[in-house]
Structures are given as C-alpha cells and as structure tokens.
C-alpha cells in the first residue's frame, strides 16, 4: 500500500512567543533526581530474562533494571 504524504502547507508557522510558552511533552521526572535517557546494549538472553521477570512482577522492564542496579549500588556502598 502506497503511503500518501501529508500536506502541512496550510498550517501557519508558530511565532517566537508561541514557541516560548510551549513545554516538552513526556514523562514527568520521578524522585529527587530525575531519570536520564540512555542507550545500553545487553545480551539477548539477559534482556529476555529481565523482560520475563518484569512481566511476572508486573513492572516495566526498565524499572526492574533500575531496581536491580540501585540495590547493587546500595550493597556496594
């Protein structure tokens, strides 16, 4: 199926004033120190285990990774 391009030509550009009052849309920062977006490479087996474990605990897998690392950090201190 061929995709048609959307014609945006009739939408006026935003003024500097309009742009200055806009805010970024996304997840709000959680906790005292907001989380940062990073990129990490994991072995497929490790990622699959984390995802399965997170699903069993009904957690997002990235939150589980954060919890595991935070626990390890506390134990190392």
N, C-alpha and C. Protein backbone atom coordinates (compact mmCIF):
# COMPACT_ATOMS: atom_id res chain seq x y z
N UNK A 1 0.84 -1.18 0.00
CA UNK A 1 0.00 0.00 0.00
C UNK A 1 0.89 1.24 0.00
N UNK A 2 0.64 2.12 -0.94
CA UNK A 2 1.43 3.33 -1.05
C UNK A 2 0.96 4.37 -0.03
N UNK A 3 1.93 4.94 0.69
CA UNK A 3 1.59 5.95 1.69
C UNK A 3 1.55 7.32 1.05
N UNK A 4 0.50 8.05 1.34
CA UNK A 4 0.40 9.42 0.84
C UNK A 4 1.05 10.36 1.82
N UNK A 5 1.71 11.36 1.31
CA UNK A 5 2.34 12.36 2.16
C UNK A 5 1.29 13.34 2.66
N UNK A 6 1.44 13.76 3.89
CA UNK A 6 0.52 14.73 4.47
C UNK A 6 0.95 16.13 4.04
N UNK A 7 -0.01 16.92 3.62
CA UNK A 7 0.26 18.29 3.20
C UNK A 7 0.13 19.22 4.39
N UNK A 8 1.24 19.75 4.87
CA UNK A 8 1.26 20.65 6.01
C UNK A 8 1.31 22.12 5.57
N UNK A 9 1.19 22.38 4.30
CA UNK A 9 1.40 23.73 3.78
C UNK A 9 0.37 24.76 4.28
N UNK A 10 -0.81 24.32 4.69
CA UNK A 10 -1.82 25.28 5.15
C UNK A 10 -1.75 25.56 6.66
N UNK A 11 -0.79 24.94 7.35
CA UNK A 11 -0.64 25.17 8.78
C UNK A 11 0.35 26.32 8.98
N UNK A 12 -0.08 27.39 9.64
CA UNK A 12 0.83 28.53 9.82
C UNK A 12 1.97 28.20 10.77
N UNK A 13 3.11 28.84 10.56
CA UNK A 13 4.24 28.64 11.45
C UNK A 13 3.95 29.29 12.79
N UNK A 14 4.56 28.75 13.86
CA UNK A 14 4.38 29.31 15.19
C UNK A 14 5.29 30.51 15.38
N UNK A 15 4.78 31.49 16.13
CA UNK A 15 5.59 32.67 16.41
C UNK A 15 6.58 32.36 17.53
N UNK A 16 7.56 33.21 17.72
CA UNK A 16 8.54 33.04 18.79
C UNK A 16 7.83 33.05 20.15
N UNK A 17 6.81 33.89 20.29
CA UNK A 17 6.07 33.97 21.55
C UNK A 17 5.37 32.64 21.83
N UNK A 18 4.73 32.07 20.81
CA UNK A 18 4.05 30.80 20.97
C UNK A 18 5.04 29.69 21.34
N UNK A 19 6.17 29.68 20.68
CA UNK A 19 7.19 28.67 20.95
C UNK A 19 7.76 28.81 22.36
N UNK A 20 7.87 30.03 22.85
CA UNK A 20 8.48 30.26 24.16
C UNK A 20 7.62 29.75 25.32
N UNK A 21 6.30 29.66 25.12
CA UNK A 21 5.43 29.20 26.21
C UNK A 21 5.13 27.71 26.12
N UNK A 22 5.61 27.05 25.09
CA UNK A 22 5.38 25.62 24.96
C UNK A 22 6.30 24.85 25.90
N UNK A 23 5.85 23.68 26.29
CA UNK A 23 6.68 22.84 27.15
C UNK A 23 6.82 21.47 26.51
N UNK A 24 7.86 20.81 26.91
CA UNK A 24 8.13 19.47 26.39
C UNK A 24 7.09 18.49 26.94
N UNK A 25 6.60 17.63 26.09
CA UNK A 25 5.64 16.62 26.50
C UNK A 25 6.40 15.31 26.68
N UNK A 26 6.13 14.64 27.75
CA UNK A 26 6.80 13.37 28.02
C UNK A 26 6.55 12.97 29.45
N UNK A 27 7.31 12.00 29.87
CA UNK A 27 7.16 11.53 31.25
C UNK A 27 7.70 12.56 32.22
N UNK A 28 6.99 12.77 33.32
CA UNK A 28 7.49 13.73 34.32
C UNK A 28 8.66 13.12 35.08
N UNK A 29 9.56 13.97 35.59
CA UNK A 29 10.67 13.44 36.37
C UNK A 29 10.16 12.81 37.66
N UNK A 30 10.72 11.69 38.04
CA UNK A 30 10.31 10.99 39.25
C UNK A 30 11.43 11.06 40.29
N UNK A 31 11.07 11.32 41.53
CA UNK A 31 12.04 11.29 42.60
C UNK A 31 12.86 12.56 42.69
N UNK A 32 13.82 12.51 43.61
CA UNK A 32 14.68 13.67 43.85
C UNK A 32 15.57 13.98 42.65
N UNK A 33 16.05 12.93 42.01
CA UNK A 33 16.90 13.08 40.83
C UNK A 33 16.18 12.45 39.64
N UNK A 34 15.79 13.25 38.65
CA UNK A 34 15.06 12.70 37.51
C UNK A 34 15.88 11.64 36.77
N UNK A 35 15.21 10.68 36.21
CA UNK A 35 15.88 9.64 35.44
C UNK A 35 16.36 10.22 34.12
N UNK A 36 17.43 9.63 33.61
CA UNK A 36 18.00 10.09 32.34
C UNK A 36 17.84 9.02 31.28
N UNK A 37 17.62 9.46 30.08
CA UNK A 37 17.50 8.56 28.95
C UNK A 37 18.90 8.17 28.49
N UNK A 38 19.17 6.87 28.42
CA UNK A 38 20.46 6.38 27.95
C UNK A 38 20.24 5.27 26.94
N UNK A 39 21.30 4.85 26.32
CA UNK A 39 21.25 3.70 25.43
C UNK A 39 22.23 2.67 25.97
N UNK A 40 21.82 1.42 26.02
CA UNK A 40 22.67 0.36 26.56
C UNK A 40 22.49 -0.89 25.73
N UNK A 41 23.56 -1.62 25.55
CA UNK A 41 23.49 -2.89 24.81
C UNK A 41 23.57 -4.03 25.81
N UNK A 42 22.62 -4.95 25.71
CA UNK A 42 22.57 -6.11 26.59
C UNK A 42 22.54 -7.37 25.74
N UNK A 43 23.07 -8.46 26.30
CA UNK A 43 22.94 -9.75 25.62
C UNK A 43 21.46 -10.09 25.49
N UNK A 44 21.10 -10.75 24.42
CA UNK A 44 19.70 -11.12 24.19
C UNK A 44 19.15 -11.96 25.33
N UNK A 45 19.96 -12.90 25.83
CA UNK A 45 19.50 -13.76 26.93
C UNK A 45 19.21 -12.94 28.18
N UNK A 46 20.07 -11.96 28.46
CA UNK A 46 19.89 -11.11 29.64
C UNK A 46 18.62 -10.28 29.49
N UNK A 47 18.44 -9.66 28.34
CA UNK A 47 17.26 -8.84 28.11
C UNK A 47 15.98 -9.66 28.19
N UNK A 48 16.00 -10.85 27.60
CA UNK A 48 14.81 -11.71 27.66
C UNK A 48 14.48 -12.10 29.10
N UNK A 49 15.52 -12.41 29.90
CA UNK A 49 15.30 -12.76 31.31
C UNK A 49 14.70 -11.57 32.06
N UNK A 50 15.25 -10.38 31.83
CA UNK A 50 14.74 -9.18 32.52
C UNK A 50 13.27 -8.94 32.14
N UNK A 51 12.96 -9.05 30.87
CA UNK A 51 11.59 -8.82 30.43
C UNK A 51 10.62 -9.84 31.02
N UNK A 52 11.03 -11.11 31.06
CA UNK A 52 10.16 -12.15 31.64
C UNK A 52 9.97 -11.92 33.13
N UNK A 53 11.07 -11.60 33.83
CA UNK A 53 11.00 -11.35 35.26
C UNK A 53 10.13 -10.13 35.56
N UNK A 54 10.29 -9.09 34.76
CA UNK A 54 9.48 -7.88 34.94
C UNK A 54 8.00 -8.17 34.71
N UNK A 55 7.70 -8.97 33.70
CA UNK A 55 6.30 -9.31 33.41
C UNK A 55 5.68 -10.07 34.58
N UNK A 56 6.45 -10.98 35.19
CA UNK A 56 5.95 -11.73 36.34
C UNK A 56 5.66 -10.80 37.51
N UNK A 57 6.50 -9.77 37.66
CA UNK A 57 6.34 -8.82 38.77
C UNK A 57 5.41 -7.66 38.41
N UNK A 58 4.92 -7.69 37.17
CA UNK A 58 4.06 -6.62 36.65
C UNK A 58 4.72 -5.25 36.77
N UNK A 59 5.98 -5.21 36.32
CA UNK A 59 6.76 -3.98 36.29
C UNK A 59 7.23 -3.72 34.87
N UNK A 60 7.46 -2.47 34.51
CA UNK A 60 8.16 -2.21 33.25
C UNK A 60 9.59 -2.73 33.38
N UNK A 61 10.11 -3.34 32.32
CA UNK A 61 11.42 -3.97 32.43
C UNK A 61 12.53 -2.97 32.71
N UNK A 62 12.40 -1.74 32.24
CA UNK A 62 13.42 -0.73 32.52
C UNK A 62 13.42 -0.35 34.00
N UNK A 63 12.26 -0.34 34.62
CA UNK A 63 12.19 -0.08 36.06
C UNK A 63 12.84 -1.21 36.84
N UNK A 64 12.67 -2.44 36.38
CA UNK A 64 13.32 -3.57 37.04
C UNK A 64 14.83 -3.46 36.93
N UNK A 65 15.33 -3.10 35.76
CA UNK A 65 16.78 -2.91 35.59
C UNK A 65 17.27 -1.84 36.56
N UNK A 66 16.53 -0.74 36.67
CA UNK A 66 16.91 0.33 37.60
C UNK A 66 16.91 -0.18 39.04
N UNK A 67 15.90 -0.96 39.42
CA UNK A 67 15.82 -1.50 40.78
C UNK A 67 17.00 -2.43 41.08
N UNK A 68 17.34 -3.29 40.13
CA UNK A 68 18.47 -4.21 40.30
C UNK A 68 19.77 -3.43 40.49
N UNK A 69 19.99 -2.44 39.65
CA UNK A 69 21.22 -1.64 39.75
C UNK A 69 21.25 -0.81 41.03
N UNK A 70 20.11 -0.26 41.44
CA UNK A 70 20.06 0.54 42.67
C UNK A 70 20.36 -0.33 43.88
N UNK A 71 19.83 -1.54 43.90
CA UNK A 71 20.10 -2.48 45.01
C UNK A 71 21.58 -2.80 45.06
N UNK A 72 22.16 -3.10 43.91
CA UNK A 72 23.59 -3.40 43.85
C UNK A 72 24.44 -2.22 44.30
N UNK A 73 24.02 -1.02 43.92
CA UNK A 73 24.74 0.19 44.32
C UNK A 73 24.72 0.37 45.84
N UNK A 74 23.55 0.15 46.45
CA UNK A 74 23.43 0.27 47.91
C UNK A 74 24.28 -0.76 48.63
N UNK A 75 24.32 -1.98 48.11
CA UNK A 75 25.10 -3.04 48.73
C UNK A 75 26.60 -2.77 48.61
N UNK A 76 27.01 -2.10 47.55
CA UNK A 76 28.43 -1.81 47.33
C UNK A 76 28.91 -0.65 48.19
N UNK A 77 27.99 0.17 48.66
CA UNK A 77 28.38 1.34 49.46
C UNK A 77 28.67 1.01 50.90
